[in-house]
PDB file of all heavy atoms in Angstrom:
ATOM      1  N   ALA A   1     -16.423  36.336 -43.529  1.00  0.00           N
ATOM      2  CA  ALA A   1     -16.231  34.878 -43.472  1.00  0.00           C
ATOM      3  C   ALA A   1     -14.718  34.467 -43.168  1.00  0.00           C
ATOM      4  O   ALA A   1     -14.503  33.488 -42.680  1.00  0.00           O
ATOM      5  CB  ALA A   1     -16.804  34.139 -44.571  1.00  0.00           C
ATOM      6  N   SER A   2     -13.800  35.247 -43.746  1.00  0.00           N
ATOM      7  CA  SER A   2     -12.391  34.972 -43.619  1.00  0.00           C
ATOM      8  C   SER A   2     -11.906  35.290 -42.247  1.00  0.00           C
ATOM      9  O   SER A   2     -10.698  34.936 -41.834  1.00  0.00           O
ATOM     10  CB  SER A   2     -11.693  35.805 -44.692  1.00  0.00           C
ATOM     11  OG  SER A   2     -11.839  37.248 -44.401  1.00  0.00           O
ATOM     12  N   GLY A   3     -12.719  36.031 -41.341  1.00  0.00           N
ATOM     13  CA  GLY A   3     -12.202  36.297 -40.130  1.00  0.00           C
ATOM     14  C   GLY A   3     -11.676  37.872 -39.998  1.00  0.00           C
ATOM     15  O   GLY A   3     -11.634  38.324 -38.865  1.00  0.00           O
ATOM     16  N   ALA A   4     -11.457  38.501 -41.179  1.00  0.00           N
ATOM     17  CA  ALA A   4     -10.983  39.810 -41.176  1.00  0.00           C
ATOM     18  C   ALA A   4     -12.184  40.726 -40.913  1.00  0.00           C
ATOM     19  O   ALA A   4     -13.271  40.529 -41.430  1.00  0.00           O
ATOM     20  CB  ALA A   4     -10.147  40.114 -42.422  1.00  0.00           C
ATOM     21  N   GLY A   5     -11.987  41.760 -40.213  1.00  0.00           N
ATOM     22  CA  GLY A   5     -13.033  42.821 -40.125  1.00  0.00           C
ATOM     23  C   GLY A   5     -12.671  43.889 -39.179  1.00  0.00           C
ATOM     24  O   GLY A   5     -11.619  44.404 -39.099  1.00  0.00           O
ATOM     25  N   LEU A   6     -13.731  44.248 -38.377  1.00  0.00           N
ATOM     26  CA  LEU A   6     -13.536  45.458 -37.407  1.00  0.00           C
ATOM     27  C   LEU A   6     -13.125  44.809 -36.043  1.00  0.00           C
ATOM     28  O   LEU A   6     -13.886  44.237 -35.334  1.00  0.00           O
ATOM     29  CB  LEU A   6     -14.985  46.058 -37.281  1.00  0.00           C
ATOM     30  CG  LEU A   6     -15.666  46.423 -38.591  1.00  0.00           C
ATOM     31  CD1 LEU A   6     -16.930  47.088 -38.361  1.00  0.00           C
ATOM     32  CD2 LEU A   6     -14.782  47.663 -39.201  1.00  0.00           C
ATOM     33  N   ALA A   7     -11.867  45.143 -35.742  1.00  0.00           N
ATOM     34  CA  ALA A   7     -11.415  44.827 -34.469  1.00  0.00           C
ATOM     35  C   ALA A   7     -12.102  45.579 -33.293  1.00  0.00           C
ATOM     36  O   ALA A   7     -12.386  44.989 -32.298  1.00  0.00           O
ATOM     37  CB  ALA A   7      -9.922  44.898 -34.438  1.00  0.00           C
ATOM     38  N   THR A   8     -12.068  46.839 -33.490  1.00  0.00           N
ATOM     39  CA  THR A   8     -12.890  47.743 -32.531  1.00  0.00           C
ATOM     40  C   THR A   8     -13.855  48.650 -33.407  1.00  0.00           C
ATOM     41  O   THR A   8     -13.508  48.897 -34.522  1.00  0.00           O
ATOM     42  CB  THR A   8     -11.949  48.508 -31.793  1.00  0.00           C
ATOM     43  OG1 THR A   8     -11.132  49.393 -32.662  1.00  0.00           O
ATOM     44  CG2 THR A   8     -11.013  47.673 -30.843  1.00  0.00           C
ATOM     45  N   ALA A   9     -14.991  48.971 -32.755  1.00  0.00           N
ATOM     46  CA  ALA A   9     -15.822  49.778 -33.470  1.00  0.00           C
ATOM     47  C   ALA A   9     -15.349  51.173 -33.677  1.00  0.00           C
ATOM     48  O   ALA A   9     -14.978  51.893 -32.708  1.00  0.00           O
ATOM     49  CB  ALA A   9     -17.224  49.901 -32.633  1.00  0.00           C
ATOM     50  N   PRO A  10     -14.948  51.681 -34.899  1.00  0.00           N
ATOM     51  CA  PRO A  10     -14.561  52.908 -35.118  1.00  0.00           C
ATOM     52  C   PRO A  10     -15.518  54.159 -34.815  1.00  0.00           C
ATOM     53  O   PRO A  10     -16.697  53.935 -34.729  1.00  0.00           O
ATOM     54  CB  PRO A  10     -14.236  52.994 -36.596  1.00  0.00           C
ATOM     55  CG  PRO A  10     -15.265  52.091 -37.164  1.00  0.00           C
ATOM     56  CD  PRO A  10     -15.439  50.995 -36.176  1.00  0.00           C
ATOM     57  N   ARG A  11     -14.802  55.285 -34.428  1.00  0.00           N
ATOM     58  CA  ARG A  11     -15.694  56.442 -34.038  1.00  0.00           C
ATOM     59  C   ARG A  11     -16.321  56.836 -35.489  1.00  0.00           C
ATOM     60  O   ARG A  11     -15.645  57.128 -36.430  1.00  0.00           O
ATOM     61  CB  ARG A  11     -14.963  57.578 -33.456  1.00  0.00           C
ATOM     62  CG  ARG A  11     -14.315  57.105 -32.175  1.00  0.00           C
ATOM     63  CD  ARG A  11     -15.536  56.959 -31.158  1.00  0.00           C
ATOM     64  NE  ARG A  11     -14.919  56.667 -29.882  1.00  0.00           N
ATOM     65  CZ  ARG A  11     -15.100  57.415 -28.819  1.00  0.00           C
ATOM     66  NH1 ARG A  11     -15.963  58.633 -28.977  1.00  0.00           N
ATOM     67  NH2 ARG A  11     -14.727  57.186 -27.589  1.00  0.00           N
ATOM     68  N   GLY A  12     -17.609  57.001 -35.484  1.00  0.00           N
ATOM     69  CA  GLY A  12     -18.262  57.471 -36.654  1.00  0.00           C
ATOM     70  C   GLY A  12     -18.797  58.855 -36.603  1.00  0.00           C
ATOM     71  O   GLY A  12     -18.059  59.739 -35.948  1.00  0.00           O
ATOM     72  N   ASP A  13     -19.894  59.239 -37.246  1.00  0.00           N
ATOM     73  CA  ASP A  13     -20.274  60.728 -37.184  1.00  0.00           C
ATOM     74  C   ASP A  13     -21.413  60.830 -36.359  1.00  0.00           C
ATOM     75  O   ASP A  13     -22.308  59.762 -36.058  1.00  0.00           O
ATOM     76  CB  ASP A  13     -20.695  61.127 -38.681  1.00  0.00           C
ATOM     77  CG  ASP A  13     -21.835  60.120 -39.340  1.00  0.00           C
ATOM     78  OD1 ASP A  13     -21.640  58.977 -39.419  1.00  0.00           O
ATOM     79  OD2 ASP A  13     -22.908  60.650 -39.512  1.00  0.00           O
ATOM     80  N   VAL A  14     -21.720  62.044 -35.868  1.00  0.00           N
ATOM     81  CA  VAL A  14     -22.784  62.328 -34.997  1.00  0.00           C
ATOM     82  C   VAL A  14     -23.519  63.511 -35.596  1.00  0.00           C
ATOM     83  O   VAL A  14     -22.935  64.524 -35.840  1.00  0.00           O
ATOM     84  CB  VAL A  14     -22.346  62.790 -33.517  1.00  0.00           C
ATOM     85  CG1 VAL A  14     -23.595  63.130 -32.731  1.00  0.00           C
ATOM     86  CG2 VAL A  14     -21.579  61.578 -32.868  1.00  0.00           C
ATOM     87  N   ASP A  15     -24.917  63.375 -35.866  1.00  0.00           N
ATOM     88  CA  ASP A  15     -25.601  64.402 -36.463  1.00  0.00           C
ATOM     89  C   ASP A  15     -26.667  64.771 -35.540  1.00  0.00           C
ATOM     90  O   ASP A  15     -27.601  63.880 -35.077  1.00  0.00           O
ATOM     91  CB  ASP A  15     -26.212  63.950 -37.735  1.00  0.00           C
ATOM     92  CG  ASP A  15     -25.096  63.758 -38.790  1.00  0.00           C
ATOM     93  OD1 ASP A  15     -24.398  64.758 -39.041  1.00  0.00           O
ATOM     94  OD2 ASP A  15     -24.999  62.607 -39.351  1.00  0.00           O
ATOM     95  N   LEU A  16     -26.871  66.098 -35.175  1.00  0.00           N
ATOM     96  CA  LEU A  16     -27.749  66.450 -34.119  1.00  0.00           C
ATOM     97  C   LEU A  16     -28.849  67.442 -34.746  1.00  0.00           C
ATOM     98  O   LEU A  16     -28.510  68.163 -35.770  1.00  0.00           O
ATOM     99  CB  LEU A  16     -27.005  67.241 -33.021  1.00  0.00           C
ATOM    100  CG  LEU A  16     -25.836  66.363 -32.476  1.00  0.00           C
ATOM    101  CD1 LEU A  16     -25.093  67.261 -31.439  1.00  0.00           C
ATOM    102  CD2 LEU A  16     -26.445  65.059 -31.639  1.00  0.00           C
ATOM    103  N   PHE A  17     -29.940  67.452 -34.178  1.00  0.00           N
ATOM    104  CA  PHE A  17     -30.916  68.380 -34.367  1.00  0.00           C
ATOM    105  C   PHE A  17     -31.123  69.453 -33.118  1.00  0.00           C
ATOM    106  O   PHE A  17     -31.202  68.991 -32.047  1.00  0.00           O
ATOM    107  CB  PHE A  17     -32.298  67.888 -34.613  1.00  0.00           C
ATOM    108  CG  PHE A  17     -32.393  67.147 -35.902  1.00  0.00           C
ATOM    109  CD1 PHE A  17     -32.414  65.728 -35.845  1.00  0.00           C
ATOM    110  CD2 PHE A  17     -32.471  67.696 -37.093  1.00  0.00           C
ATOM    111  CE1 PHE A  17     -32.434  65.082 -37.032  1.00  0.00           C
ATOM    112  CE2 PHE A  17     -32.587  66.901 -38.265  1.00  0.00           C
ATOM    113  CZ  PHE A  17     -32.497  65.584 -38.166  1.00  0.00           C
ATOM    114  N   ASP A  18     -31.003  70.684 -33.375  1.00  0.00           N
ATOM    115  CA  ASP A  18     -31.248  71.637 -32.427  1.00  0.00           C
ATOM    116  C   ASP A  18     -32.714  71.461 -31.696  1.00  0.00           C
ATOM    117  O   ASP A  18     -33.627  71.057 -32.348  1.00  0.00           O
ATOM    118  CB  ASP A  18     -31.272  73.152 -32.900  1.00  0.00           C
ATOM    119  CG  ASP A  18     -31.419  74.180 -31.843  1.00  0.00           C
ATOM    120  OD1 ASP A  18     -30.392  74.391 -31.128  1.00  0.00           O
ATOM    121  OD2 ASP A  18     -32.523  74.783 -31.551  1.00  0.00           O
ATOM    122  N   GLU A  19     -32.718  71.609 -30.305  1.00  0.00           N
ATOM    123  CA  GLU A  19     -34.015  71.142 -29.577  1.00  0.00           C
ATOM    124  C   GLU A  19     -35.229  72.044 -30.095  1.00  0.00           C
ATOM    125  O   GLU A  19     -36.330  71.610 -29.869  1.00  0.00           O
ATOM    126  CB  GLU A  19     -33.770  71.180 -28.157  1.00  0.00           C
ATOM    127  CG  GLU A  19     -33.374  72.612 -27.600  1.00  0.00           C
ATOM    128  CD  GLU A  19     -33.108  72.620 -26.082  1.00  0.00           C
ATOM    129  OE1 GLU A  19     -33.387  71.565 -25.507  1.00  0.00           O
ATOM    130  OE2 GLU A  19     -32.739  73.670 -25.617  1.00  0.00           O
ATOM    131  N   ASP A  20     -34.825  73.307 -30.528  1.00  0.00           N
ATOM    132  CA  ASP A  20     -35.918  74.228 -30.985  1.00  0.00           C
ATOM    133  C   ASP A  20     -36.127  74.141 -32.588  1.00  0.00           C
ATOM    134  O   ASP A  20     -36.602  75.146 -33.118  1.00  0.00           O
ATOM    135  CB  ASP A  20     -35.657  75.621 -30.437  1.00  0.00           C
ATOM    136  CG  ASP A  20     -35.649  75.632 -28.959  1.00  0.00           C
ATOM    137  OD1 ASP A  20     -36.605  74.996 -28.400  1.00  0.00           O
ATOM    138  OD2 ASP A  20     -34.826  76.386 -28.449  1.00  0.00           O
ATOM    139  N   LEU A  21     -35.525  73.232 -33.170  1.00  0.00           N
ATOM    140  CA  LEU A  21     -35.534  73.311 -34.780  1.00  0.00           C
ATOM    141  C   LEU A  21     -36.975  73.190 -35.260  1.00  0.00           C
ATOM    142  O   LEU A  21     -37.892  72.296 -34.822  1.00  0.00           O
ATOM    143  CB  LEU A  21     -34.829  71.962 -35.288  1.00  0.00           C
ATOM    144  CG  LEU A  21     -34.543  71.952 -36.765  1.00  0.00           C
ATOM    145  CD1 LEU A  21     -33.641  72.975 -37.238  1.00  0.00           C
ATOM    146  CD2 LEU A  21     -34.121  70.636 -37.244  1.00  0.00           C
ATOM    147  N   GLY A  22     -37.239  74.023 -36.202  1.00  0.00           N
ATOM    148  CA  GLY A  22     -38.521  74.051 -36.755  1.00  0.00           C
ATOM    149  C   GLY A  22     -38.474  73.970 -38.381  1.00  0.00           C
ATOM    150  O   GLY A  22     -37.341  73.992 -38.966  1.00  0.00           O
ATOM    151  N   MET A  23     -39.567  73.616 -39.014  1.00  0.00           N
ATOM    152  CA  MET A  23     -39.486  73.446 -40.446  1.00  0.00           C
ATOM    153  C   MET A  23     -39.198  74.935 -41.082  1.00  0.00           C
ATOM    154  O   MET A  23     -39.505  75.981 -40.462  1.00  0.00           O
ATOM    155  CB  MET A  23     -40.819  73.012 -40.961  1.00  0.00           C
ATOM    156  CG  MET A  23     -41.129  71.634 -40.473  1.00  0.00           C
ATOM    157  SD  MET A  23     -39.802  70.374 -40.967  1.00  0.00           S
ATOM    158  CE  MET A  23     -40.094  70.359 -42.609  1.00  0.00           C
ATOM    159  N   ALA A  24     -39.062  74.870 -42.260  1.00  0.00           N
ATOM    160  CA  ALA A  24     -38.660  76.202 -43.082  1.00  0.00           C
ATOM    161  C   ALA A  24     -39.980  76.919 -43.229  1.00  0.00           C
ATOM    162  O   ALA A  24     -41.025  76.445 -43.602  1.00  0.00           O
ATOM    163  CB  ALA A  24     -38.063  75.930 -44.492  1.00  0.00           C
ATOM    164  N   ARG A  25     -39.920  78.232 -42.924  1.00  0.00           N
ATOM    165  CA  ARG A  25     -40.990  79.180 -43.050  1.00  0.00           C
ATOM    166  C   ARG A  25     -40.660  80.305 -43.822  1.00  0.00           C
ATOM    167  O   ARG A  25     -39.580  81.014 -43.549  1.00  0.00           O
ATOM    168  CB  ARG A  25     -41.646  79.481 -41.681  1.00  0.00           C
ATOM    169  CG  ARG A  25     -42.236  78.390 -40.879  1.00  0.00           C
ATOM    170  CD  ARG A  25     -42.819  78.695 -39.606  1.00  0.00           C
ATOM    171  NE  ARG A  25     -41.657  79.215 -38.743  1.00  0.00           N
ATOM    172  CZ  ARG A  25     -41.881  80.367 -37.912  1.00  0.00           C
ATOM    173  NH1 ARG A  25     -43.089  81.079 -38.003  1.00  0.00           N
ATOM    174  NH2 ARG A  25     -40.965  80.922 -37.132  1.00  0.00           N
ATOM    175  N   THR A  26     -41.439  80.942 -44.693  1.00  0.00           N
ATOM    176  CA  THR A  26     -41.185  82.053 -45.494  1.00  0.00           C
ATOM    177  C   THR A  26     -42.398  83.005 -45.496  1.00  0.00           C
ATOM    178  O   THR A  26     -43.544  82.761 -45.516  1.00  0.00           O
ATOM    179  CB  THR A  26     -41.053  81.645 -46.912  1.00  0.00           C
ATOM    180  OG1 THR A  26     -39.901  80.600 -47.035  1.00  0.00           O
ATOM    181  CG2 THR A  26     -40.674  82.816 -47.776  1.00  0.00           C
ATOM    182  N   LEU A  27     -41.946  84.258 -45.309  1.00  0.00           N
ATOM    183  CA  LEU A  27     -42.900  85.418 -45.447  1.00  0.00           C
ATOM    184  C   LEU A  27     -42.598  86.331 -46.590  1.00  0.00           C
ATOM    185  O   LEU A  27     -41.510  86.630 -46.808  1.00  0.00           O
ATOM    186  CB  LEU A  27     -42.838  86.374 -44.173  1.00  0.00           C
ATOM    187  CG  LEU A  27     -43.729  87.643 -44.067  1.00  0.00           C
ATOM    188  CD1 LEU A  27     -45.218  87.188 -44.042  1.00  0.00           C
ATOM    189  CD2 LEU A  27     -43.375  88.417 -42.845  1.00  0.00           C
ATOM    190  N   ARG A  28     -43.552  86.347 -47.546  1.00  0.00           N
ATOM    191  CA  ARG A  28     -43.461  86.974 -48.754  1.00  0.00           C
ATOM    192  C   ARG A  28     -44.618  87.972 -49.128  1.00  0.00           C
ATOM    193  O   ARG A  28     -45.714  87.653 -48.857  1.00  0.00           O
ATOM    194  CB  ARG A  28     -43.276  85.933 -49.873  1.00  0.00           C
ATOM    195  CG  ARG A  28     -43.151  86.409 -51.316  1.00  0.00           C
ATOM    196  CD  ARG A  28     -42.793  85.377 -52.229  1.00  0.00           C
ATOM    197  NE  ARG A  28     -41.502  84.806 -52.022  1.00  0.00           N
ATOM    198  CZ  ARG A  28     -41.306  83.573 -51.906  1.00  0.00           C
ATOM    199  NH1 ARG A  28     -42.269  82.638 -51.932  1.00  0.00           N
ATOM    200  NH2 ARG A  28     -40.058  83.049 -51.672  1.00  0.00           N
ATOM    201  N   GLY A  29     -44.293  89.156 -49.513  1.00  0.00           N
ATOM    202  CA  GLY A  29     -45.164  90.164 -49.989  1.00  0.00           C
ATOM    203  C   GLY A  29     -44.855  90.734 -51.295  1.00  0.00           C
ATOM    204  O   GLY A  29     -43.695  90.969 -51.625  1.00  0.00           O
ATOM    205  N   SER A  30     -45.973  91.055 -52.081  1.00  0.00           N
ATOM    206  CA  SER A  30     -45.638  91.791 -53.403  1.00  0.00           C
ATOM    207  C   SER A  30     -46.585  92.869 -53.600  1.00  0.00           C
ATOM    208  O   SER A  30     -47.780  92.956 -53.137  1.00  0.00           O
ATOM    209  CB  SER A  30     -45.803  90.652 -54.571  1.00  0.00           C
ATOM    210  OG  SER A  30     -47.085  90.183 -54.542  1.00  0.00           O
ATOM    211  N   LEU A  31     -46.106  93.710 -54.470  1.00  0.00           N
ATOM    212  CA  LEU A  31     -46.884  94.834 -54.978  1.00  0.00           C
ATOM    213  C   LEU A  31     -46.671  95.092 -56.375  1.00  0.00           C
ATOM    214  O   LEU A  31     -45.602  95.239 -56.991  1.00  0.00           O
ATOM    215  CB  LEU A  31     -46.425  96.202 -54.180  1.00  0.00           C
ATOM    216  CG  LEU A  31     -47.036  97.591 -54.532  1.00  0.00           C
ATOM    217  CD1 LEU A  31     -48.651  97.445 -54.310  1.00  0.00           C
ATOM    218  CD2 LEU A  31     -46.508  98.652 -53.876  1.00  0.00           C
ATOM    219  N   ALA A  32     -47.821  94.944 -57.196  1.00  0.00           N
ATOM    220  CA  ALA A  32     -47.754  94.966 -58.626  1.00  0.00           C
ATOM    221  C   ALA A  32     -48.572  96.150 -59.106  1.00  0.00           C
ATOM    222  O   ALA A  32     -49.545  96.639 -58.610  1.00  0.00           O
ATOM    223  CB  ALA A  32     -48.219  93.715 -59.291  1.00  0.00           C
ATOM    224  N   TYR A  33     -48.149  96.651 -60.356  1.00  0.00           N
ATOM    225  CA  TYR A  33     -48.883  97.670 -61.069  1.00  0.00           C
ATOM    226  C   TYR A  33     -48.850  97.477 -62.596  1.00  0.00           C
ATOM    227  O   TYR A  33     -47.813  97.043 -63.134  1.00  0.00           O
ATOM    228  CB  TYR A  33     -48.235  99.023 -60.761  1.00  0.00           C
ATOM    229  CG  TYR A  33     -48.720 100.337 -61.480  1.00  0.00           C
ATOM    230  CD1 TYR A  33     -49.999 100.862 -61.088  1.00  0.00           C
ATOM    231  CD2 TYR A  33     -48.139 100.785 -62.613  1.00  0.00           C
ATOM    232  CE1 TYR A  33     -50.482 101.882 -61.695  1.00  0.00           C
ATOM    233  CE2 TYR A  33     -48.677 101.842 -63.318  1.00  0.00           C
ATOM    234  CZ  TYR A  33     -49.904 102.437 -62.898  1.00  0.00           C
ATOM    235  OH  TYR A  33     -50.430 103.470 -63.535  1.00  0.00           O
ATOM    236  N   GLU A  34     -49.955  97.637 -63.089  1.00  0.00           N
ATOM    237  CA  GLU A  34     -50.214  97.352 -64.535  1.00  0.00           C
ATOM    238  C   GLU A  34     -50.804  98.602 -65.228  1.00  0.00           C
ATOM    239  O   GLU A  34     -51.854  99.080 -64.626  1.00  0.00           O
ATOM    240  CB  GLU A  34     -50.944  96.176 -64.892  1.00  0.00           C
ATOM    241  CG  GLU A  34     -51.103  95.634 -66.221  1.00  0.00           C
ATOM    242  CD  GLU A  34     -51.920  94.471 -66.562  1.00  0.00           C
ATOM    243  OE1 GLU A  34     -51.486  93.428 -65.932  1.00  0.00           O
ATOM    244  OE2 GLU A  34     -52.909  94.454 -67.179  1.00  0.00           O
ATOM    245  N   ARG A  35     -50.371  98.983 -66.378  1.00  0.00           N
ATOM    246  CA  ARG A  35     -50.885 100.149 -66.938  1.00  0.00           C
ATOM    247  C   ARG A  35     -50.884  99.938 -68.568  1.00  0.00           C
ATOM    248  O   ARG A  35     -49.809  99.455 -69.116  1.00  0.00           O
ATOM    249  CB  ARG A  35     -50.151 101.400 -66.781  1.00  0.00           C
ATOM    250  CG  ARG A  35     -50.742 102.638 -67.339  1.00  0.00           C
ATOM    251  CD  ARG A  35     -49.870 103.828 -66.978  1.00  0.00           C
ATOM    252  NE  ARG A  35     -50.442 105.083 -67.564  1.00  0.00           N
ATOM    253  CZ  ARG A  35     -51.501 105.777 -67.140  1.00  0.00           C
ATOM    254  NH1 ARG A  35     -52.039 105.372 -65.892  1.00  0.00           N
ATOM    255  NH2 ARG A  35     -51.913 106.854 -67.672  1.00  0.00           N
ATOM    256  N   ARG A  36     -51.920 100.200 -69.239  1.00  0.00           N
ATOM    257  CA  ARG A  36     -52.003 100.091 -70.692  1.00  0.00           C
ATOM    258  C   ARG A  36     -51.626 101.345 -71.291  1.00  0.00           C
ATOM    259  O   ARG A  36     -52.151 102.558 -70.981  1.00  0.00           O
ATOM    260  CB  ARG A  36     -53.415  99.773 -71.143  1.00  0.00           C
ATOM    261  CG  ARG A  36     -53.624  99.525 -72.632  1.00  0.00           C
ATOM    262  CD  ARG A  36     -54.935  98.996 -73.020  1.00  0.00           C
ATOM    263  NE  ARG A  36     -55.174  97.725 -72.422  1.00  0.00           N
ATOM    264  CZ  ARG A  36     -54.796  96.524 -73.033  1.00  0.00           C
ATOM    265  NH1 ARG A  36     -54.104  96.579 -74.265  1.00  0.00           N
ATOM    266  NH2 ARG A  36     -54.996  95.541 -72.392  1.00  0.00           N
ATOM    267  N   LEU A  37     -50.571 101.434 -72.076  1.00  0.00           N
ATOM    268  CA  LEU A  37     -50.024 102.521 -72.787  1.00  0.00           C
ATOM    269  C   LEU A  37     -50.585 102.786 -74.183  1.00  0.00           C
ATOM    270  O   LEU A  37     -51.361 101.944 -74.577  1.00  0.00           O
ATOM    271  CB  LEU A  37     -48.471 102.429 -72.775  1.00  0.00           C
ATOM    272  CG  LEU A  37     -47.725 102.106 -71.449  1.00  0.00           C
ATOM    273  CD1 LEU A  37     -46.226 102.063 -71.731  1.00  0.00           C
ATOM    274  CD2 LEU A  37     -48.073 103.263 -70.413  1.00  0.00           C
ATOM    275  N   SER A  38     -50.239 103.746 -74.745  1.00  0.00           N
ATOM    276  CA  SER A  38     -50.651 103.950 -76.187  1.00  0.00           C
ATOM    277  C   SER A  38     -50.038 103.009 -77.166  1.00  0.00           C
ATOM    278  O   SER A  38     -48.964 102.361 -76.869  1.00  0.00           O
ATOM    279  CB  SER A  38     -50.224 105.397 -76.702  1.00  0.00           C
ATOM    280  OG  SER A  38     -48.753 105.515 -76.665  1.00  0.00           O
ATOM    281  N   GLY A  39     -50.812 102.649 -78.233  1.00  0.00           N
ATOM    282  CA  GLY A  39     -50.424 101.630 -79.114  1.00  0.00           C
ATOM    283  C   GLY A  39     -50.698 100.212 -78.608  1.00  0.00           C
ATOM    284  O   GLY A  39     -50.199  99.238 -79.223  1.00  0.00           O
ATOM    285  N   GLY A  40     -51.478 100.096 -77.618  1.00  0.00           N
ATOM    286  CA  GLY A  40     -51.851  98.664 -77.234  1.00  0.00           C
ATOM    287  C   GLY A  40     -50.566  98.007 -76.361  1.00  0.00           C
ATOM    288  O   GLY A  40     -50.758  96.961 -76.192  1.00  0.00           O
TER     289      GLY A  40
END
């Protein structure tokens, strides 16, 4: 309201997405072994 402000629009930031951008994907595999020893 005082008249002060942006004389020219300043250069800001540019954030881009790669054209082939995909969501996060994970491939996971596990191998487990269980054995009952003496004494329970």
